[in-house]
Amino acid sequence: MADPMTPIEVVETYFKAVRAQDLDLLRSIFADDMVLISINAGHLSGGENIVEFYGKFLEKHGGADPHPGPLMQFGNVVAFEVDAHHGDEVHAVADFFTVEEGQVTRLAIYQGPIRAKA
């Protein structure tokens, strides 16, 4: 059996899944008891519920193209700022992923300014 992905590898897989709108890949890295906290989702629990939210969000915004800054790892937490390109908008956010045994158990997304794409 392969070792679980590192926290950085999990976050890189997250970017790949979001860009490709691959909800199955996203689900594979979200723990069954995952918690998502964000201005758009509120407080959601459960990997299935969170993937459903992502599906609706990505459809509403015509997909996503995250442009993350440097990833900083602190134990099992990966934090970074990202310009999340959604349709005609760029959302400036800060993401904090908690990863345990190769899966995201908690994701807190802090919303900054939203601007129109140049």
N, C-alpha and C. Protein backbone atom coordinates (compact mmCIF):
# COMPACT_ATOMS: atom_id res chain seq x y z
N MET A 1 0.84 -1.18 0.00
CA MET A 1 0.00 0.00 0.00
C MET A 1 0.89 1.25 0.00
N ALA A 2 0.56 2.19 -0.83
CA ALA A 2 1.35 3.42 -0.95
C ALA A 2 1.14 4.31 0.27
N ASP A 3 2.18 5.08 0.59
CA ASP A 3 2.05 6.06 1.67
C ASP A 3 1.06 7.12 1.25
N PRO A 4 0.33 7.71 2.22
CA PRO A 4 -0.58 8.80 1.86
C PRO A 4 0.20 10.00 1.32
N MET A 5 -0.48 10.81 0.52
CA MET A 5 0.15 12.02 -0.02
C MET A 5 0.54 12.95 1.12
N THR A 6 1.58 13.72 0.89
CA THR A 6 1.98 14.76 1.84
C THR A 6 0.95 15.88 1.79
N PRO A 7 0.91 16.75 2.81
CA PRO A 7 -0.01 17.87 2.75
C PRO A 7 0.17 18.73 1.49
N ILE A 8 1.40 18.99 1.07
CA ILE A 8 1.63 19.78 -0.15
C ILE A 8 1.08 19.05 -1.37
N GLU A 9 1.31 17.74 -1.47
CA GLU A 9 0.79 16.97 -2.60
C GLU A 9 -0.74 17.00 -2.63
N VAL A 10 -1.37 16.95 -1.47
CA VAL A 10 -2.83 17.02 -1.40
C VAL A 10 -3.31 18.36 -1.94
N VAL A 11 -2.68 19.44 -1.54
CA VAL A 11 -3.09 20.78 -2.00
C VAL A 11 -2.84 20.91 -3.50
N GLU A 12 -1.73 20.38 -4.00
CA GLU A 12 -1.49 20.43 -5.44
C GLU A 12 -2.55 19.63 -6.19
N THR A 13 -2.99 18.52 -5.63
CA THR A 13 -4.08 17.74 -6.23
C THR A 13 -5.38 18.54 -6.21
N TYR A 14 -5.61 19.28 -5.14
CA TYR A 14 -6.78 20.15 -5.05
C TYR A 14 -6.80 21.14 -6.21
N PHE A 15 -5.66 21.81 -6.47
CA PHE A 15 -5.60 22.77 -7.59
C PHE A 15 -5.91 22.08 -8.91
N LYS A 16 -5.32 20.92 -9.10
CA LYS A 16 -5.55 20.17 -10.34
C LYS A 16 -7.04 19.84 -10.50
N ALA A 17 -7.66 19.37 -9.44
CA ALA A 17 -9.08 18.99 -9.48
C ALA A 17 -9.97 20.20 -9.74
N VAL A 18 -9.69 21.32 -9.08
CA VAL A 18 -10.51 22.52 -9.26
C VAL A 18 -10.38 23.04 -10.68
N ARG A 19 -9.16 23.12 -11.19
CA ARG A 19 -8.96 23.61 -12.56
C ARG A 19 -9.68 22.75 -13.59
N ALA A 20 -9.65 21.43 -13.37
CA ALA A 20 -10.27 20.49 -14.31
C ALA A 20 -11.75 20.26 -14.02
N GLN A 21 -12.25 20.86 -12.94
CA GLN A 21 -13.62 20.62 -12.47
C GLN A 21 -13.86 19.13 -12.29
N ASP A 22 -12.85 18.43 -11.79
CA ASP A 22 -12.90 16.99 -11.59
C ASP A 22 -13.39 16.72 -10.17
N LEU A 23 -14.71 16.58 -10.02
CA LEU A 23 -15.30 16.41 -8.70
C LEU A 23 -14.94 15.06 -8.08
N ASP A 24 -14.71 14.04 -8.90
CA ASP A 24 -14.29 12.74 -8.36
C ASP A 24 -12.91 12.84 -7.73
N LEU A 25 -11.99 13.55 -8.41
CA LEU A 25 -10.65 13.73 -7.85
C LEU A 25 -10.73 14.56 -6.58
N LEU A 26 -11.55 15.60 -6.59
CA LEU A 26 -11.73 16.43 -5.40
C LEU A 26 -12.26 15.58 -4.24
N ARG A 27 -13.24 14.76 -4.53
CA ARG A 27 -13.82 13.90 -3.48
C ARG A 27 -12.78 12.95 -2.90
N SER A 28 -11.84 12.51 -3.73
CA SER A 28 -10.84 11.55 -3.27
C SER A 28 -9.88 12.14 -2.23
N ILE A 29 -9.77 13.45 -2.19
CA ILE A 29 -8.87 14.08 -1.20
C ILE A 29 -9.62 14.74 -0.05
N PHE A 30 -10.96 14.71 -0.10
CA PHE A 30 -11.77 15.27 0.99
C PHE A 30 -12.19 14.15 1.93
N ALA A 31 -11.85 14.28 3.20
CA ALA A 31 -12.24 13.28 4.20
C ALA A 31 -13.76 13.26 4.35
N ASP A 32 -14.27 12.11 4.74
CA ASP A 32 -15.72 11.97 4.93
C ASP A 32 -16.25 12.98 5.95
N ASP A 33 -15.45 13.29 6.96
CA ASP A 33 -15.88 14.21 8.01
C ASP A 33 -15.26 15.60 7.87
N MET A 34 -14.86 15.95 6.66
CA MET A 34 -14.23 17.25 6.40
C MET A 34 -15.17 18.40 6.79
N VAL A 35 -14.55 19.52 7.16
CA VAL A 35 -15.28 20.75 7.47
C VAL A 35 -14.75 21.84 6.54
N LEU A 36 -15.68 22.60 5.94
CA LEU A 36 -15.35 23.75 5.11
C LEU A 36 -15.96 24.98 5.74
N ILE A 37 -15.15 26.03 5.88
CA ILE A 37 -15.62 27.30 6.42
C ILE A 37 -15.25 28.37 5.42
N SER A 38 -16.26 29.06 4.89
CA SER A 38 -16.00 30.15 3.94
C SER A 38 -17.20 31.06 3.88
N ILE A 39 -16.98 32.25 3.36
CA ILE A 39 -18.08 33.21 3.22
C ILE A 39 -19.12 32.70 2.24
N ASN A 40 -18.70 31.95 1.23
CA ASN A 40 -19.63 31.45 0.22
C ASN A 40 -20.40 30.22 0.67
N ALA A 41 -19.75 29.36 1.44
CA ALA A 41 -20.37 28.10 1.86
C ALA A 41 -20.92 28.15 3.27
N GLY A 42 -20.48 29.13 4.06
CA GLY A 42 -20.83 29.12 5.47
C GLY A 42 -19.99 28.07 6.16
N HIS A 43 -20.63 27.22 6.94
CA HIS A 43 -19.97 26.13 7.66
C HIS A 43 -20.59 24.83 7.17
N LEU A 44 -19.86 24.10 6.33
CA LEU A 44 -20.34 22.84 5.78
C LEU A 44 -19.54 21.68 6.37
N SER A 45 -20.21 20.56 6.55
CA SER A 45 -19.56 19.35 7.03
C SER A 45 -19.83 18.21 6.06
N GLY A 46 -18.84 17.33 5.93
CA GLY A 46 -18.99 16.13 5.12
C GLY A 46 -18.44 16.29 3.72
N GLY A 47 -17.55 15.37 3.35
CA GLY A 47 -16.92 15.42 2.03
C GLY A 47 -17.91 15.48 0.89
N GLU A 48 -18.98 14.68 0.95
CA GLU A 48 -19.98 14.67 -0.13
C GLU A 48 -20.66 16.03 -0.25
N ASN A 49 -21.07 16.61 0.87
CA ASN A 49 -21.74 17.92 0.86
C ASN A 49 -20.82 19.00 0.30
N ILE A 50 -19.56 18.93 0.66
CA ILE A 50 -18.60 19.95 0.23
C ILE A 50 -18.33 19.82 -1.27
N VAL A 51 -18.22 18.60 -1.77
CA VAL A 51 -18.03 18.41 -3.22
C VAL A 51 -19.26 18.91 -3.97
N GLU A 52 -20.44 18.67 -3.44
CA GLU A 52 -21.67 19.18 -4.07
C GLU A 52 -21.63 20.71 -4.14
N PHE A 53 -21.21 21.34 -3.05
CA PHE A 53 -21.07 22.80 -3.05
C PHE A 53 -20.08 23.24 -4.13
N TYR A 54 -18.93 22.59 -4.22
CA TYR A 54 -17.92 22.94 -5.23
C TYR A 54 -18.49 22.80 -6.63
N GLY A 55 -19.24 21.73 -6.88
CA GLY A 55 -19.84 21.53 -8.19
C GLY A 55 -20.73 22.69 -8.58
N LYS A 56 -21.59 23.11 -7.66
CA LYS A 56 -22.50 24.24 -7.93
C LYS A 56 -21.73 25.54 -8.10
N PHE A 57 -20.72 25.76 -7.24
CA PHE A 57 -19.93 26.99 -7.30
C PHE A 57 -19.18 27.08 -8.62
N LEU A 58 -18.54 25.98 -9.02
CA LEU A 58 -17.77 25.98 -10.27
C LEU A 58 -18.69 26.17 -11.48
N GLU A 59 -19.85 25.56 -11.44
CA GLU A 59 -20.81 25.72 -12.54
C GLU A 59 -21.29 27.18 -12.62
N LYS A 60 -21.61 27.75 -11.48
CA LYS A 60 -22.10 29.14 -11.43
C LYS A 60 -21.07 30.11 -12.00
N HIS A 61 -19.79 29.87 -11.70
CA HIS A 61 -18.73 30.80 -12.11
C HIS A 61 -18.01 30.37 -13.38
N GLY A 62 -18.50 29.34 -14.05
CA GLY A 62 -17.86 28.91 -15.28
C GLY A 62 -16.48 28.30 -15.05
N GLY A 63 -16.29 27.64 -13.91
CA GLY A 63 -15.01 27.03 -13.59
C GLY A 63 -14.17 27.91 -12.70
N ALA A 64 -12.91 27.52 -12.57
CA ALA A 64 -11.98 28.27 -11.71
C ALA A 64 -10.57 28.04 -12.20
N ASP A 65 -9.76 29.04 -11.98
CA ASP A 65 -8.34 28.95 -12.32
C ASP A 65 -7.55 29.59 -11.18
N PRO A 66 -7.26 28.81 -10.12
CA PRO A 66 -6.54 29.39 -8.99
C PRO A 66 -5.08 29.68 -9.31
N HIS A 67 -4.62 30.84 -8.86
CA HIS A 67 -3.22 31.25 -9.00
C HIS A 67 -2.65 31.44 -7.60
N PRO A 68 -2.15 30.35 -6.99
CA PRO A 68 -1.68 30.45 -5.60
C PRO A 68 -0.32 31.11 -5.51
N GLY A 69 -0.12 31.77 -4.38
CA GLY A 69 1.21 32.27 -4.04
C GLY A 69 2.00 31.12 -3.44
N PRO A 70 3.13 31.42 -2.81
CA PRO A 70 3.94 30.37 -2.21
C PRO A 70 3.14 29.59 -1.16
N LEU A 71 3.29 28.28 -1.18
CA LEU A 71 2.64 27.43 -0.19
C LEU A 71 3.53 27.36 1.04
N MET A 72 2.93 27.55 2.20
CA MET A 72 3.66 27.48 3.46
C MET A 72 3.09 26.33 4.27
N GLN A 73 3.96 25.42 4.69
CA GLN A 73 3.51 24.27 5.46
C GLN A 73 3.95 24.41 6.90
N PHE A 74 3.01 24.19 7.80
CA PHE A 74 3.26 24.20 9.24
C PHE A 74 2.71 22.89 9.78
N GLY A 75 3.55 21.86 9.86
CA GLY A 75 3.06 20.54 10.27
C GLY A 75 2.10 20.02 9.23
N ASN A 76 0.85 19.77 9.65
CA ASN A 76 -0.14 19.25 8.72
C ASN A 76 -1.06 20.33 8.15
N VAL A 77 -0.68 21.59 8.31
CA VAL A 77 -1.45 22.71 7.78
C VAL A 77 -0.68 23.36 6.64
N VAL A 78 -1.39 23.61 5.52
CA VAL A 78 -0.81 24.31 4.38
C VAL A 78 -1.60 25.60 4.20
N ALA A 79 -0.89 26.72 4.17
CA ALA A 79 -1.53 28.04 4.05
C ALA A 79 -0.94 28.78 2.87
N PHE A 80 -1.76 29.62 2.24
CA PHE A 80 -1.29 30.43 1.11
C PHE A 80 -2.35 31.45 0.74
N GLU A 81 -1.92 32.49 0.05
CA GLU A 81 -2.82 33.44 -0.58
C GLU A 81 -3.01 32.99 -2.02
N VAL A 82 -4.17 33.26 -2.57
CA VAL A 82 -4.45 32.84 -3.94
C VAL A 82 -5.36 33.86 -4.62
N ASP A 83 -5.09 34.11 -5.89
CA ASP A 83 -6.03 34.83 -6.74
C ASP A 83 -6.84 33.76 -7.45
N ALA A 84 -8.08 33.62 -7.06
CA ALA A 84 -8.96 32.60 -7.62
C ALA A 84 -9.76 33.23 -8.76
N HIS A 85 -9.42 32.87 -9.97
CA HIS A 85 -10.09 33.40 -11.15
C HIS A 85 -11.37 32.60 -11.39
N HIS A 86 -12.50 33.31 -11.32
CA HIS A 86 -13.83 32.71 -11.53
C HIS A 86 -14.55 33.56 -12.56
N GLY A 87 -14.71 33.04 -13.76
CA GLY A 87 -15.41 33.81 -14.79
C GLY A 87 -14.75 35.15 -15.02
N ASP A 88 -15.50 36.23 -14.85
CA ASP A 88 -15.01 37.58 -15.07
C ASP A 88 -14.43 38.22 -13.81
N GLU A 89 -14.34 37.44 -12.72
CA GLU A 89 -13.89 37.98 -11.45
C GLU A 89 -12.61 37.29 -10.98
N VAL A 90 -11.88 38.03 -10.14
CA VAL A 90 -10.72 37.47 -9.44
C VAL A 90 -10.99 37.67 -7.95
N HIS A 91 -11.05 36.55 -7.23
CA HIS A 91 -11.29 36.58 -5.79
C HIS A 91 -9.94 36.45 -5.09
N ALA A 92 -9.57 37.43 -4.30
CA ALA A 92 -8.36 37.34 -3.49
C ALA A 92 -8.74 36.63 -2.19
N VAL A 93 -8.14 35.46 -1.96
CA VAL A 93 -8.48 34.69 -0.77
C VAL A 93 -7.22 34.16 -0.10
N ALA A 94 -7.39 33.73 1.12
CA ALA A 94 -6.34 33.01 1.84
C ALA A 94 -6.93 31.68 2.27
N ASP A 95 -6.23 30.60 1.94
CA ASP A 95 -6.71 29.25 2.24
C ASP A 95 -5.82 28.60 3.29
N PHE A 96 -6.46 27.88 4.19
CA PHE A 96 -5.77 27.11 5.23
C PHE A 96 -6.31 25.69 5.20
N PHE A 97 -5.50 24.76 4.71
CA PHE A 97 -5.86 23.35 4.62
C PHE A 97 -5.26 22.60 5.80
N THR A 98 -6.06 21.79 6.47
CA THR A 98 -5.55 20.82 7.44
C THR A 98 -5.65 19.46 6.78
N VAL A 99 -4.53 18.75 6.72
CA VAL A 99 -4.45 17.47 6.02
C VAL A 99 -4.03 16.39 7.00
N GLU A 100 -4.79 15.31 7.03
CA GLU A 100 -4.47 14.17 7.87
C GLU A 100 -4.58 12.91 7.04
N GLU A 101 -3.52 12.10 7.05
CA GLU A 101 -3.48 10.83 6.33
C GLU A 101 -3.87 10.99 4.86
N GLY A 102 -3.36 12.05 4.24
CA GLY A 102 -3.56 12.25 2.81
C GLY A 102 -4.90 12.81 2.40
N GLN A 103 -5.69 13.29 3.35
CA GLN A 103 -6.99 13.88 3.02
C GLN A 103 -7.19 15.19 3.78
N VAL A 104 -7.95 16.09 3.14
CA VAL A 104 -8.28 17.36 3.77
C VAL A 104 -9.35 17.11 4.82
N THR A 105 -9.07 17.50 6.06
CA THR A 105 -10.06 17.37 7.13
C THR A 105 -10.71 18.71 7.46
N ARG A 106 -10.01 19.80 7.12
CA ARG A 106 -10.56 21.14 7.38
C ARG A 106 -9.99 22.08 6.34
N LEU A 107 -10.86 22.94 5.80
CA LEU A 107 -10.44 23.98 4.88
C LEU A 107 -11.14 25.26 5.28
N ALA A 108 -10.35 26.26 5.65
CA ALA A 108 -10.88 27.58 5.96
C ALA A 108 -10.43 28.53 4.86
N ILE A 109 -11.41 29.19 4.23
CA ILE A 109 -11.13 30.12 3.13
C ILE A 109 -11.57 31.50 3.58
N TYR A 110 -10.61 32.41 3.64
CA TYR A 110 -10.88 33.78 4.06
C TYR A 110 -10.92 34.67 2.83
N GLN A 111 -12.06 35.32 2.62
CA GLN A 111 -12.31 36.12 1.43
C GLN A 111 -11.72 37.51 1.56
N GLY A 112 -11.01 37.93 0.55
CA GLY A 112 -10.53 39.31 0.44
C GLY A 112 -11.32 40.02 -0.63
N PRO A 113 -10.74 41.03 -1.24
CA PRO A 113 -11.45 41.78 -2.28
C PRO A 113 -11.73 40.94 -3.53
N ILE A 114 -12.82 41.27 -4.18
CA ILE A 114 -13.16 40.70 -5.49
C ILE A 114 -13.04 41.82 -6.50
N ARG A 115 -12.35 41.52 -7.59
CA ARG A 115 -12.17 42.56 -8.63
C ARG A 115 -12.48 41.96 -9.99
N ALA A 116 -12.74 42.81 -10.94
CA ALA A 116 -12.97 42.36 -12.30
C ALA A 116 -11.64 42.00 -12.93
N LYS A 117 -11.65 41.00 -13.83
CA LYS A 117 -10.43 40.67 -14.55
C LYS A 117 -10.05 41.83 -15.43
N ALA A 118 -8.75 42.04 -15.55
CA ALA A 118 -8.26 43.16 -16.38
C ALA A 118 -8.45 42.86 -17.85
